[in-house]
Structure formats: structure tokens, C-alpha cells
Amino acid sequence: MKILIIDDSPDALAVAKARLTPERLDILCADSGQTGLAMVKQEKPDLVLLDVDMPDLSGFDVCRALKADPDVWMIPVVFLSGSDDGETKVRGLDLGAVDYVTKPFDAFELRARVRAALRTKRLQDLLAKYAKMDSLTELLNRRGLRERLQQAWARMQRHGGALSFIMADIDHFKRINDSYGHPAGDGALRHIAQILAAEVREDDCVARYGGEEYAILCGDIDSAQAGALAERCRLRVEQSPLHERGRQIPVTLSLGVADASAVTNSRQLIEAADTALYQAKQDGRNRVILATPADHAQSP
């Protein structure tokens, strides 16, 4: 894991780095508060060891800035200080630090506190990951998808390019549940998830949107190219029946495709793809429909 030590004293940096070398960490160093802030945003370390007393920005100022930044506020901070004053410790903890280590460092104590902070970070990361995952299919859930979509939309606005969105729905899913049981329905959901994840490009994002619906977020391609991807997915699903307890269960998908060329926000992009999906279902299912200008116009 990666840690960043921020301290204006070269000697203190050298000592802390030497004490932590046996832990086999990727150790970065910054010699000022300003430099440290910039490095945290660039490197996204798993832990920050932060000196309290620095001339340009105090450790308290740096910690306050980190905890106010939505991109890095979850990174744990351990304060380093030559003072063992209780009031100073309380102030640092109130600002959001997870621990406090007093200089001069005891090697065993420093390593133990760093290990404890990194264990907490690992658990934090796991919780954050699973909060955005669908437990049945192991795809992103709707919350995770919306976060990725917001990032992709912001990137498109900054740098230009295309962005497409595909909505997919398992045809006659209730019939599968009613005819073969809910375990077969769950199997169908996992089966489709695996096919979609295998068919999309490496940078595309596949998510379970809810129920028997899926979504695919595609960067740098327009609706025609996304439509070709959707057709590949549809065909692969049609040609890959679900095998459940010795039974072969046919499964098909209907898909709707839209791109960002005729919408002004990400919500409209989703709605246009959903409208195209609805049309695919109305037209007989097991088909791909691209959103039309009229579909986009229905998204205010």
C-alpha cells in the first residue's frame, strides 16, 4: 500500500521512512504542507502521516483541507508531533485524524499504528466497493453506475468526445421465474451479467440497473457504434441458453441505445435509452433499437 509522509524536517522524514521500511510499503515524502496537499491529490495514498508543526501550512491546516476535499477526504491521517499535549491531540482527532504518534518515533509503535490505520483503510475500501456492487451478479449497482456516469459526463464536457448508454432488459423474465423457479431466475441474471461483461470493451461499464435490467456505459463511441455492440450482446445471449439443473432455458434480451449528442445532461441520456428499450419491447422483443430525435425530445 502507498503512504505519504508530510514533514518539513529532512531528518524526521528520513527517520520515519527508515522505521517503516520493514513494512514493505510504497513510501512517498513531501517537505511542506503545500507540496503534501498537491501530492495527496495526485497520488491518492492509502495513508498520510502528517507533521503538526510546519512553517507554510500547519498539519491542522492540511488536515482540514484534505477532509474538505470530496476526492480525498476518506484517506486516513495520522498526526506526527514532538508535543504530547492532550489539547493538541484532541484538536487533531476532532479535525478527522485517526491517530497521533509522538516524536521521537518508537519504531515498533510507529509500525503498529501504521498497520492499524492501513487495516482500517482496507476495510473502508471494501465497504465502499460493496456499497456500489450488486451482490447477485457482482456487477456495479445503480449507485455505482450513476457515479461512473457522472465522471464520464464531466470528462466528456471537459475534453469533448462521444458518450453512449445502453439499457437492456431480459425478455419474459417473469415467465422464467414462474416456469422454472426463482433459482433459475437468479441463474439467468448471473448468466446475462457474465455475457455482457465478456462482450463489452475493457473501458466500458456494465451494471445491474435494477430487477432484470442492465445498463452499459460506453465512452468515446456514438449510438451507431454502441448499437453494434448492443447487437453483439443480443446475439450472444440468444445463442447462449441458460443451463440450469440439466435443463436448457432460452433467454433473450431487448436493448435500447442512446448517445449524448442530442441531450444536455446525463439523466436525459438514460431516459432516451430507456425510451428506445421500451420501443424494442413493444416491437416484439429480442432486438436493438437506437434512440431517435423524438426519443431525446421526450426527455425534458
C-alpha atoms as a PDB file:
ATOM      1  CA  MET A   1       0.000   0.000   0.000  1.00  0.00           C
ATOM      2  CA  LYS A   2       1.073   3.599  -0.515  1.00  0.00           C
ATOM      3  CA  ILE A   3       1.699   6.106   2.280  1.00  0.00           C
ATOM      4  CA  LEU A   4       2.735   9.753   2.190  1.00  0.00           C
ATOM      5  CA  ILE A   5       4.828  11.353   4.939  1.00  0.00           C
ATOM      6  CA  ILE A   6       4.498  15.168   5.126  1.00  0.00           C
ATOM      7  CA  ASP A   7       7.147  16.824   7.324  1.00  0.00           C
ATOM      8  CA  ASP A   8       9.314  19.915   6.851  1.00  0.00           C
ATOM      9  CA  SER A   9      12.250  18.267   8.678  1.00  0.00           C
ATOM     10  CA  PRO A  10      14.554  16.204   6.409  1.00  0.00           C
ATOM     11  CA  ASP A  11      15.782  14.296   9.447  1.00  0.00           C
ATOM     12  CA  ALA A  12      12.251  13.431  10.578  1.00  0.00           C
ATOM     13  CA  LEU A  13      11.357  12.285   7.052  1.00  0.00           C
ATOM     14  CA  ALA A  14      14.449  10.091   6.893  1.00  0.00           C
ATOM     15  CA  VAL A  15      13.795   8.570  10.323  1.00  0.00           C
ATOM     16  CA  ALA A  16      10.121   7.863   9.636  1.00  0.00           C
ATOM     17  CA  LYS A  17      10.938   6.330   6.269  1.00  0.00           C
ATOM     18  CA  ALA A  18      13.667   4.152   7.797  1.00  0.00           C
ATOM     19  CA  ARG A  19      11.364   2.976  10.594  1.00  0.00           C
ATOM     20  CA  LEU A  20       8.685   1.967   8.096  1.00  0.00           C
ATOM     21  CA  THR A  21      10.951   0.289   5.525  1.00  0.00           C
ATOM     22  CA  PRO A  22      10.413  -3.215   7.012  1.00  0.00           C
ATOM     23  CA  GLU A  23       6.673  -2.877   6.303  1.00  0.00           C
ATOM     24  CA  ARG A  24       7.275  -3.114   2.516  1.00  0.00           C
ATOM     25  CA  LEU A  25       5.217  -0.052   1.739  1.00  0.00           C
ATOM     26  CA  ASP A  26       5.434   2.382  -1.143  1.00  0.00           C
ATOM     27  CA  ILE A  27       6.632   5.409   0.839  1.00  0.00           C
ATOM     28  CA  LEU A  28       6.382   8.936  -0.585  1.00  0.00           C
ATOM     29  CA  CYS A  29       7.688  12.074   1.116  1.00  0.00           C
ATOM     30  CA  ALA A  30       6.727  15.768   0.999  1.00  0.00           C
ATOM     31  CA  ASP A  31       8.716  18.523   2.757  1.00  0.00           C
ATOM     32  CA  SER A  32       5.908  21.095   3.138  1.00  0.00           C
ATOM     33  CA  GLY A  33       2.179  21.337   3.652  1.00  0.00           C
ATOM     34  CA  GLN A  34       1.549  22.799   0.193  1.00  0.00           C
ATOM     35  CA  THR A  35       3.615  20.103  -1.516  1.00  0.00           C
ATOM     36  CA  GLY A  36       1.909  17.450   0.573  1.00  0.00           C
ATOM     37  CA  LEU A  37      -1.582  18.655  -0.396  1.00  0.00           C
ATOM     38  CA  ALA A  38      -0.682  18.511  -4.075  1.00  0.00           C
ATOM     39  CA  MET A  39       0.827  15.030  -3.718  1.00  0.00           C
ATOM     40  CA  VAL A  40      -2.224  13.663  -1.905  1.00  0.00           C
ATOM     41  CA  LYS A  41      -4.490  14.794  -4.758  1.00  0.00           C
ATOM     42  CA  GLN A  42      -2.128  13.397  -7.397  1.00  0.00           C
ATOM     43  CA  GLU A  43      -1.024  10.133  -5.772  1.00  0.00           C
ATOM     44  CA  LYS A  44      -4.121   9.207  -3.703  1.00  0.00           C
ATOM     45  CA  PRO A  45      -2.114   7.427  -0.973  1.00  0.00           C
ATOM     46  CA  ASP A  46      -3.734   4.929   1.392  1.00  0.00           C
ATOM     47  CA  LEU A  47      -2.458   6.803   4.455  1.00  0.00           C
ATOM     48  CA  VAL A  48      -0.993  10.240   5.278  1.00  0.00           C
ATOM     49  CA  LEU A  49       1.497  10.734   8.119  1.00  0.00           C
ATOM     50  CA  LEU A  50       1.298  14.454   8.824  1.00  0.00           C
ATOM     51  CA  ASP A  51       3.583  16.653  10.919  1.00  0.00           C
ATOM     52  CA  VAL A  52       1.685  19.145  13.059  1.00  0.00           C
ATOM     53  CA  ASP A  53       4.245  21.986  13.084  1.00  0.00           C
ATOM     54  CA  MET A  54       5.217  23.223   9.602  1.00  0.00           C
ATOM     55  CA  PRO A  55       6.023  26.805   8.517  1.00  0.00           C
ATOM     56  CA  ASP A  56       3.863  27.254   5.405  1.00  0.00           C
ATOM     57  CA  LEU A  57       0.743  25.307   6.337  1.00  0.00           C
ATOM     58  CA  SER A  58       0.374  23.632   9.700  1.00  0.00           C
ATOM     59  CA  GLY A  59      -0.634  19.995   9.847  1.00  0.00           C
ATOM     60  CA  PHE A  60      -4.016  21.119  11.137  1.00  0.00           C
ATOM     61  CA  ASP A  61      -4.491  23.329   8.048  1.00  0.00           C
ATOM     62  CA  VAL A  62      -3.501  20.474   5.750  1.00  0.00           C
ATOM     63  CA  CYS A  63      -5.822  18.019   7.507  1.00  0.00           C
ATOM     64  CA  ARG A  64      -8.696  20.500   7.353  1.00  0.00           C
ATOM     65  CA  ALA A  65      -8.150  20.957   3.597  1.00  0.00           C
ATOM     66  CA  LEU A  66      -7.988  17.190   2.985  1.00  0.00           C
ATOM     67  CA  LYS A  67     -11.181  16.493   4.897  1.00  0.00           C
ATOM     68  CA  ALA A  68     -12.977  19.219   2.934  1.00  0.00           C
ATOM     69  CA  ASP A  69     -11.993  17.688  -0.430  1.00  0.00           C
ATOM     70  CA  PRO A  70     -14.545  15.081  -1.632  1.00  0.00           C
ATOM     71  CA  ASP A  71     -11.887  13.299  -3.696  1.00  0.00           C
ATOM     72  CA  VAL A  72      -9.522  12.557  -0.800  1.00  0.00           C
ATOM     73  CA  TRP A  73     -11.443  13.010   2.457  1.00  0.00           C
ATOM     74  CA  MET A  74     -11.593   9.252   3.072  1.00  0.00           C
ATOM     75  CA  ILE A  75      -7.791   8.915   3.209  1.00  0.00           C
ATOM     76  CA  PRO A  76      -6.826   8.387   6.879  1.00  0.00           C
ATOM     77  CA  VAL A  77      -4.457  10.867   8.534  1.00  0.00           C
ATOM     78  CA  VAL A  78      -2.065  10.091  11.406  1.00  0.00           C
ATOM     79  CA  PHE A  79      -0.532  13.179  13.053  1.00  0.00           C
ATOM     80  CA  LEU A  80       3.164  13.320  13.949  1.00  0.00           C
ATOM     81  CA  SER A  81       4.305  15.755  16.634  1.00  0.00           C
ATOM     82  CA  GLY A  82       7.056  16.410  19.142  1.00  0.00           C
ATOM     83  CA  SER A  83       4.385  17.543  21.600  1.00  0.00           C
ATOM     84  CA  ASP A  84       2.497  15.137  23.836  1.00  0.00           C
ATOM     85  CA  ASP A  85      -0.010  17.817  24.829  1.00  0.00           C
ATOM     86  CA  GLY A  86      -3.520  16.435  25.259  1.00  0.00           C
ATOM     87  CA  GLU A  87      -5.230  19.504  23.836  1.00  0.00           C
ATOM     88  CA  THR A  88      -3.184  19.227  20.634  1.00  0.00           C
ATOM     89  CA  LYS A  89      -4.124  15.559  20.264  1.00  0.00           C
ATOM     90  CA  VAL A  90      -7.808  16.293  20.771  1.00  0.00           C
ATOM     91  CA  ARG A  91      -7.710  19.085  18.191  1.00  0.00           C
ATOM     92  CA  GLY A  92      -6.123  16.795  15.604  1.00  0.00           C
ATOM     93  CA  LEU A  93      -8.610  13.985  16.231  1.00  0.00           C
ATOM     94  CA  ASP A  94     -11.511  16.427  16.035  1.00  0.00           C
ATOM     95  CA  LEU A  95     -10.273  17.513  12.609  1.00  0.00           C
ATOM     96  CA  GLY A  96     -10.619  13.926  11.388  1.00  0.00           C
ATOM     97  CA  ALA A  97      -7.255  12.273  12.085  1.00  0.00           C
ATOM     98  CA  VAL A  98      -7.402   8.595  13.065  1.00  0.00           C
ATOM     99  CA  ASP A  99      -4.309   8.527  15.310  1.00  0.00           C
ATOM    100  CA  TYR A 100      -1.422  10.508  16.793  1.00  0.00           C
ATOM    101  CA  VAL A 101       2.244   9.478  17.087  1.00  0.00           C
ATOM    102  CA  THR A 102       4.729  11.370  19.239  1.00  0.00           C
ATOM    103  CA  LYS A 103       8.306  12.123  18.154  1.00  0.00           C
ATOM    104  CA  PRO A 104      10.917  10.763  18.585  1.00  0.00           C
ATOM    105  CA  PHE A 105       9.388   7.697  16.992  1.00  0.00           C
ATOM    106  CA  ASP A 106       9.478   4.349  18.680  1.00  0.00           C
ATOM    107  CA  ALA A 107       9.953   2.034  15.694  1.00  0.00           C
ATOM    108  CA  PHE A 108       7.606  -0.687  16.919  1.00  0.00           C
ATOM    109  CA  GLU A 109       4.871   1.751  17.941  1.00  0.00           C
ATOM    110  CA  LEU A 110       5.035   3.663  14.652  1.00  0.00           C
ATOM    111  CA  ARG A 111       4.816   0.495  12.578  1.00  0.00           C
ATOM    112  CA  ALA A 112       1.958  -0.867  14.704  1.00  0.00           C
ATOM    113  CA  ARG A 113      -0.057   2.349  14.382  1.00  0.00           C
ATOM    114  CA  VAL A 114       0.536   2.485  10.633  1.00  0.00           C
ATOM    115  CA  ARG A 115      -0.559  -1.148  10.265  1.00  0.00           C
ATOM    116  CA  ALA A 116      -3.720  -0.420  12.277  1.00  0.00           C
ATOM    117  CA  ALA A 117      -4.552   2.625  10.146  1.00  0.00           C
ATOM    118  CA  LEU A 118      -3.997   0.662   6.924  1.00  0.00           C
ATOM    119  CA  ARG A 119      -6.224  -2.176   8.143  1.00  0.00           C
ATOM    120  CA  THR A 120      -8.975   0.369   8.731  1.00  0.00           C
ATOM    121  CA  LYS A 121      -8.393   1.782   5.239  1.00  0.00           C
ATOM    122  CA  ARG A 122      -8.689  -1.676   3.665  1.00  0.00           C
ATOM    123  CA  LEU A 123     -11.997  -2.260   5.433  1.00  0.00           C
ATOM    124  CA  GLN A 124     -13.190   1.195   4.376  1.00  0.00           C
ATOM    125  CA  ASP A 125     -12.311   0.440   0.772  1.00  0.00           C
ATOM    126  CA  LEU A 126     -14.111  -2.903   0.890  1.00  0.00           C
ATOM    127  CA  LEU A 127     -17.242  -1.307   2.333  1.00  0.00           C
ATOM    128  CA  ALA A 128     -17.163   1.426  -0.311  1.00  0.00           C
ATOM    129  CA  LYS A 129     -16.686  -1.174  -3.048  1.00  0.00           C
ATOM    130  CA  TYR A 130     -19.541  -3.428  -1.946  1.00  0.00           C
ATOM    131  CA  ALA A 131     -21.859  -0.471  -1.417  1.00  0.00           C
ATOM    132  CA  LYS A 132     -21.621   0.048  -5.185  1.00  0.00           C
ATOM    133  CA  MET A 133     -21.886  -3.617  -6.207  1.00  0.00           C
ATOM    134  CA  ASP A 134     -24.825  -5.881  -6.863  1.00  0.00           C
ATOM    135  CA  SER A 135     -24.280  -8.969  -4.719  1.00  0.00           C
ATOM    136  CA  LEU A 136     -26.051 -11.395  -7.074  1.00  0.00           C
ATOM    137  CA  THR A 137     -24.320 -10.520 -10.356  1.00  0.00           C
ATOM    138  CA  GLU A 138     -21.145  -8.885  -8.961  1.00  0.00           C
ATOM    139  CA  LEU A 139     -21.699  -6.004 -11.374  1.00  0.00           C
ATOM    140  CA  LEU A 140     -21.936  -2.380 -10.333  1.00  0.00           C
ATOM    141  CA  ASN A 141     -25.321  -1.465  -8.905  1.00  0.00           C
ATOM    142  CA  ARG A 142     -27.285   1.644  -9.859  1.00  0.00           C
ATOM    143  CA  ARG A 143     -25.443   3.779  -7.316  1.00  0.00           C
ATOM    144  CA  GLY A 144     -22.062   2.742  -8.703  1.00  0.00           C
ATOM    145  CA  LEU A 145     -23.261   3.258 -12.269  1.00  0.00           C
ATOM    146  CA  ARG A 146     -24.507   6.782 -11.567  1.00  0.00           C
ATOM    147  CA  GLU A 147     -21.134   7.682 -10.067  1.00  0.00           C
ATOM    148  CA  ARG A 148     -19.328   6.384 -13.158  1.00  0.00           C
ATOM    149  CA  LEU A 149     -21.788   8.167 -15.433  1.00  0.00           C
ATOM    150  CA  GLN A 150     -21.246  11.472 -13.633  1.00  0.00           C
ATOM    151  CA  GLN A 151     -17.488  11.063 -14.019  1.00  0.00           C
ATOM    152  CA  ALA A 152     -17.793  10.177 -17.710  1.00  0.00           C
ATOM    153  CA  TRP A 153     -20.154  13.089 -18.351  1.00  0.00           C
ATOM    154  CA  ALA A 154     -17.788  15.546 -16.649  1.00  0.00           C
ATOM    155  CA  ARG A 155     -14.853  14.157 -18.645  1.00  0.00           C
ATOM    156  CA  MET A 156     -16.798  14.495 -21.902  1.00  0.00           C
ATOM    157  CA  GLN A 157     -17.669  18.098 -21.091  1.00  0.00           C
ATOM    158  CA  ARG A 158     -14.039  18.940 -20.344  1.00  0.00           C
ATOM    159  CA  HIS A 159     -12.378  17.123 -23.223  1.00  0.00           C
ATOM    160  CA  GLY A 160     -15.110  16.504 -25.791  1.00  0.00           C
ATOM    161  CA  GLY A 161     -15.740  13.174 -27.490  1.00  0.00           C
ATOM    162  CA  ALA A 162     -18.731  10.855 -27.518  1.00  0.00           C
ATOM    163  CA  LEU A 163     -20.646   9.009 -24.820  1.00  0.00           C
ATOM    164  CA  SER A 164     -23.302   6.327 -25.243  1.00  0.00           C
ATOM    165  CA  PHE A 165     -25.660   4.478 -22.947  1.00  0.00           C
ATOM    166  CA  ILE A 166     -27.327   1.093 -23.450  1.00  0.00           C
ATOM    167  CA  MET A 167     -30.324  -0.164 -21.486  1.00  0.00           C
ATOM    168  CA  ALA A 168     -31.032  -3.910 -21.660  1.00  0.00           C
ATOM    169  CA  ASP A 169     -33.911  -5.975 -20.289  1.00  0.00           C
ATOM    170  CA  ILE A 170     -34.339  -9.753 -20.097  1.00  0.00           C
ATOM    171  CA  ASP A 171     -37.358 -10.760 -22.161  1.00  0.00           C
ATOM    172  CA  HIS A 172     -40.184 -12.561 -20.342  1.00  0.00           C
ATOM    173  CA  PHE A 173     -38.192 -12.746 -17.128  1.00  0.00           C
ATOM    174  CA  LYS A 174     -41.332 -13.384 -15.045  1.00  0.00           C
ATOM    175  CA  ARG A 175     -42.045 -16.400 -17.234  1.00  0.00           C
ATOM    176  CA  ILE A 176     -38.619 -17.831 -16.347  1.00  0.00           C
ATOM    177  CA  ASN A 177     -39.336 -17.404 -12.638  1.00  0.00           C
ATOM    178  CA  ASP A 178     -42.847 -18.847 -12.936  1.00  0.00           C
ATOM    179  CA  SER A 179     -41.865 -21.794 -15.135  1.00  0.00           C
ATOM    180  CA  TYR A 180     -38.519 -22.794 -13.647  1.00  0.00           C
ATOM    181  CA  GLY A 181     -38.444 -21.206 -10.187  1.00  0.00           C
ATOM    182  CA  HIS A 182     -36.618 -18.261  -8.669  1.00  0.00           C
ATOM    183  CA  PRO A 183     -33.239 -20.062  -8.529  1.00  0.00           C
ATOM    184  CA  ALA A 184     -33.420 -20.280 -12.338  1.00  0.00           C
ATOM    185  CA  GLY A 185     -34.281 -16.562 -12.433  1.00  0.00           C
ATOM    186  CA  ASP A 186     -31.226 -15.771 -10.329  1.00  0.00           C
ATOM    187  CA  GLY A 187     -29.172 -18.008 -12.597  1.00  0.00           C
ATOM    188  CA  ALA A 188     -30.421 -16.097 -15.637  1.00  0.00           C
ATOM    189  CA  LEU A 189     -29.422 -12.781 -14.047  1.00  0.00           C
ATOM    190  CA  ARG A 190     -25.897 -14.056 -13.365  1.00  0.00           C
ATOM    191  CA  HIS A 191     -25.700 -15.686 -16.817  1.00  0.00           C
ATOM    192  CA  ILE A 192     -26.564 -12.451 -18.640  1.00  0.00           C
ATOM    193  CA  ALA A 193     -24.197 -10.451 -16.430  1.00  0.00           C
ATOM    194  CA  GLN A 194     -21.292 -12.727 -17.392  1.00  0.00           C
ATOM    195  CA  ILE A 195     -22.097 -12.481 -21.097  1.00  0.00           C
ATOM    196  CA  LEU A 196     -22.342  -8.692 -21.063  1.00  0.00           C
ATOM    197  CA  ALA A 197     -19.126  -8.319 -19.054  1.00  0.00           C
ATOM    198  CA  ALA A 198     -17.328 -10.539 -21.561  1.00  0.00           C
ATOM    199  CA  GLU A 199     -18.658  -8.759 -24.656  1.00  0.00           C
ATOM    200  CA  VAL A 200     -18.026  -5.109 -23.781  1.00  0.00           C
ATOM    201  CA  ARG A 201     -14.753  -3.269 -24.210  1.00  0.00           C
ATOM    202  CA  GLU A 202     -12.312  -3.060 -21.313  1.00  0.00           C
ATOM    203  CA  ASP A 203     -13.192   0.563 -20.502  1.00  0.00           C
ATOM    204  CA  ASP A 204     -16.954   0.114 -20.769  1.00  0.00           C
ATOM    205  CA  CYS A 205     -19.010  -0.113 -17.592  1.00  0.00           C
ATOM    206  CA  VAL A 206     -21.679  -2.807 -17.131  1.00  0.00           C
ATOM    207  CA  ALA A 207     -24.161  -2.528 -14.268  1.00  0.00           C
ATOM    208  CA  ARG A 208     -27.306  -4.165 -12.995  1.00  0.00           C
ATOM    209  CA  TYR A 209     -29.735  -1.282 -13.188  1.00  0.00           C
ATOM    210  CA  GLY A 210     -32.460  -2.997 -11.207  1.00  0.00           C
ATOM    211  CA  GLY A 211     -34.667  -6.070 -11.416  1.00  0.00           C
ATOM    212  CA  GLU A 212     -33.949  -7.729 -14.762  1.00  0.00           C
ATOM    213  CA  GLU A 213     -32.491  -4.558 -16.321  1.00  0.00           C
ATOM    214  CA  TYR A 214     -28.853  -3.880 -17.131  1.00  0.00           C
ATOM    215  CA  ALA A 215     -27.011  -0.793 -18.325  1.00  0.00           C
ATOM    216  CA  ILE A 216     -23.810  -0.366 -20.298  1.00  0.00           C
ATOM    217  CA  LEU A 217     -21.915   2.937 -20.287  1.00  0.00           C
ATOM    218  CA  CYS A 218     -19.700   3.358 -23.347  1.00  0.00           C
ATOM    219  CA  GLY A 219     -17.154   6.148 -23.662  1.00  0.00           C
ATOM    220  CA  ASP A 220     -15.841   7.551 -26.957  1.00  0.00           C
ATOM    221  CA  ILE A 221     -18.394   5.893 -29.245  1.00  0.00           C
ATOM    222  CA  ASP A 222     -21.617   7.195 -30.775  1.00  0.00           C
ATOM    223  CA  SER A 223     -25.000   5.475 -30.855  1.00  0.00           C
ATOM    224  CA  ALA A 224     -24.291   3.667 -34.138  1.00  0.00           C
ATOM    225  CA  GLN A 225     -21.147   2.071 -32.693  1.00  0.00           C
ATOM    226  CA  ALA A 226     -22.878   1.401 -29.380  1.00  0.00           C
ATOM    227  CA  GLY A 227     -25.737  -0.146 -31.359  1.00  0.00           C
ATOM    228  CA  ALA A 228     -23.304  -2.566 -32.974  1.00  0.00           C
ATOM    229  CA  LEU A 229     -22.021  -3.505 -29.507  1.00  0.00           C
ATOM    230  CA  ALA A 230     -25.594  -3.966 -28.286  1.00  0.00           C
ATOM    231  CA  GLU A 231     -26.360  -6.226 -31.253  1.00  0.00           C
ATOM    232  CA  ARG A 232     -23.314  -8.386 -30.455  1.00  0.00           C
ATOM    233  CA  CYS A 233     -24.561  -8.720 -26.885  1.00  0.00           C
ATOM    234  CA  ARG A 234     -28.094  -9.558 -28.040  1.00  0.00           C
ATOM    235  CA  LEU A 235     -26.855 -12.225 -30.445  1.00  0.00           C
ATOM    236  CA  ARG A 236     -24.506 -13.778 -27.908  1.00  0.00           C
ATOM    237  CA  VAL A 237     -27.317 -14.052 -25.344  1.00  0.00           C
ATOM    238  CA  GLU A 238     -29.682 -15.574 -27.917  1.00  0.00           C
ATOM    239  CA  GLN A 239     -27.043 -18.165 -28.837  1.00  0.00           C
ATOM    240  CA  SER A 240     -26.181 -18.993 -25.201  1.00  0.00           C
ATOM    241  CA  PRO A 241     -29.146 -20.601 -23.422  1.00  0.00           C
ATOM    242  CA  LEU A 242     -29.042 -20.926 -19.663  1.00  0.00           C
ATOM    243  CA  HIS A 243     -28.249 -24.412 -18.368  1.00  0.00           C
ATOM    244  CA  GLU A 244     -29.998 -24.896 -15.044  1.00  0.00           C
ATOM    245  CA  ARG A 245     -30.171 -28.315 -13.320  1.00  0.00           C
ATOM    246  CA  GLY A 246     -29.901 -30.202 -16.569  1.00  0.00           C
ATOM    247  CA  ARG A 247     -32.445 -28.008 -18.321  1.00  0.00           C
ATOM    248  CA  GLN A 248     -31.721 -25.691 -21.226  1.00  0.00           C
ATOM    249  CA  ILE A 249     -33.606 -22.415 -20.845  1.00  0.00           C
ATOM    250  CA  PRO A 250     -33.669 -19.981 -23.797  1.00  0.00           C
ATOM    251  CA  VAL A 251     -33.037 -16.361 -22.832  1.00  0.00           C
ATOM    252  CA  THR A 252     -33.180 -13.213 -24.980  1.00  0.00           C
ATOM    253  CA  LEU A 253     -32.544  -9.509 -24.458  1.00  0.00           C
ATOM    254  CA  SER A 254     -34.152  -6.305 -25.668  1.00  0.00           C
ATOM    255  CA  LEU A 255     -31.849  -3.278 -25.793  1.00  0.00           C
ATOM    256  CA  GLY A 256     -32.194   0.482 -26.238  1.00  0.00           C
ATOM    257  CA  VAL A 257     -29.275   2.727 -27.229  1.00  0.00           C
ATOM    258  CA  ALA A 258     -28.733   6.486 -26.991  1.00  0.00           C
ATOM    259  CA  ASP A 259     -25.770   8.825 -27.162  1.00  0.00           C
ATOM    260  CA  ALA A 260     -25.052  12.243 -25.684  1.00  0.00           C
ATOM    261  CA  SER A 261     -25.190  14.167 -28.949  1.00  0.00           C
ATOM    262  CA  ALA A 262     -28.792  15.330 -28.518  1.00  0.00           C
ATOM    263  CA  VAL A 263     -29.115  15.633 -24.727  1.00  0.00           C
ATOM    264  CA  THR A 264     -27.964  18.206 -22.204  1.00  0.00           C
ATOM    265  CA  ASN A 265     -27.467  16.084 -19.102  1.00  0.00           C
ATOM    266  CA  SER A 266     -26.875  12.505 -18.018  1.00  0.00           C
ATOM    267  CA  ARG A 267     -30.462  11.987 -16.848  1.00  0.00           C
ATOM    268  CA  GLN A 268     -31.735  12.712 -20.340  1.00  0.00           C
ATOM    269  CA  LEU A 269     -29.211  10.211 -21.736  1.00  0.00           C
ATOM    270  CA  ILE A 270     -30.620   7.449 -19.503  1.00  0.00           C
ATOM    271  CA  GLU A 271     -34.211   8.400 -20.351  1.00  0.00           C
ATOM    272  CA  ALA A 272     -33.542   8.361 -24.103  1.00  0.00           C
ATOM    273  CA  ALA A 273     -32.004   4.864 -23.884  1.00  0.00           C
ATOM    274  CA  ASP A 274     -34.911   3.711 -21.715  1.00  0.00           C
ATOM    275  CA  THR A 275     -37.429   5.038 -24.251  1.00  0.00           C
ATOM    276  CA  ALA A 276     -35.620   3.128 -27.021  1.00  0.00           C
ATOM    277  CA  LEU A 277     -35.670  -0.008 -24.837  1.00  0.00           C
ATOM    278  CA  TYR A 278     -39.423   0.363 -24.348  1.00  0.00           C
ATOM    279  CA  GLN A 279     -39.814   0.564 -28.126  1.00  0.00           C
ATOM    280  CA  ALA A 280     -37.742  -2.603 -28.554  1.00  0.00           C
ATOM    281  CA  LYS A 281     -40.095  -4.406 -26.170  1.00  0.00           C
ATOM    282  CA  GLN A 282     -43.149  -3.031 -27.999  1.00  0.00           C
ATOM    283  CA  ASP A 283     -41.769  -4.095 -31.385  1.00  0.00           C
ATOM    284  CA  GLY A 284     -41.548  -7.753 -30.381  1.00  0.00           C
ATOM    285  CA  ARG A 285     -38.516  -8.050 -28.036  1.00  0.00           C
ATOM    286  CA  ASN A 286     -35.116  -9.653 -28.747  1.00  0.00           C
ATOM    287  CA  ARG A 287     -33.946  -6.631 -30.737  1.00  0.00           C
ATOM    288  CA  VAL A 288     -31.882  -3.447 -30.537  1.00  0.00           C
ATOM    289  CA  ILE A 289     -33.460  -0.022 -31.043  1.00  0.00           C
ATOM    290  CA  LEU A 290     -31.479   3.217 -31.354  1.00  0.00           C
ATOM    291  CA  ALA A 291     -32.998   6.337 -29.834  1.00  0.00           C
ATOM    292  CA  THR A 292     -34.437   8.799 -32.325  1.00  0.00           C
ATOM    293  CA  PRO A 293     -34.547  12.596 -32.040  1.00  0.00           C
ATOM    294  CA  ALA A 294     -38.137  12.170 -30.839  1.00  0.00           C
ATOM    295  CA  ASP A 295     -36.916   9.935 -28.000  1.00  0.00           C
ATOM    296  CA  HIS A 296     -34.473  12.611 -26.921  1.00  0.00           C
ATOM    297  CA  ALA A 297     -37.180  15.225 -27.128  1.00  0.00           C
ATOM    298  CA  GLN A 298     -39.254  13.290 -24.625  1.00  0.00           C
ATOM    299  CA  SER A 299     -36.521  13.915 -22.023  1.00  0.00           C
ATOM    300  CA  PRO A 300     -37.087  17.488 -20.755  1.00  0.00           C
END
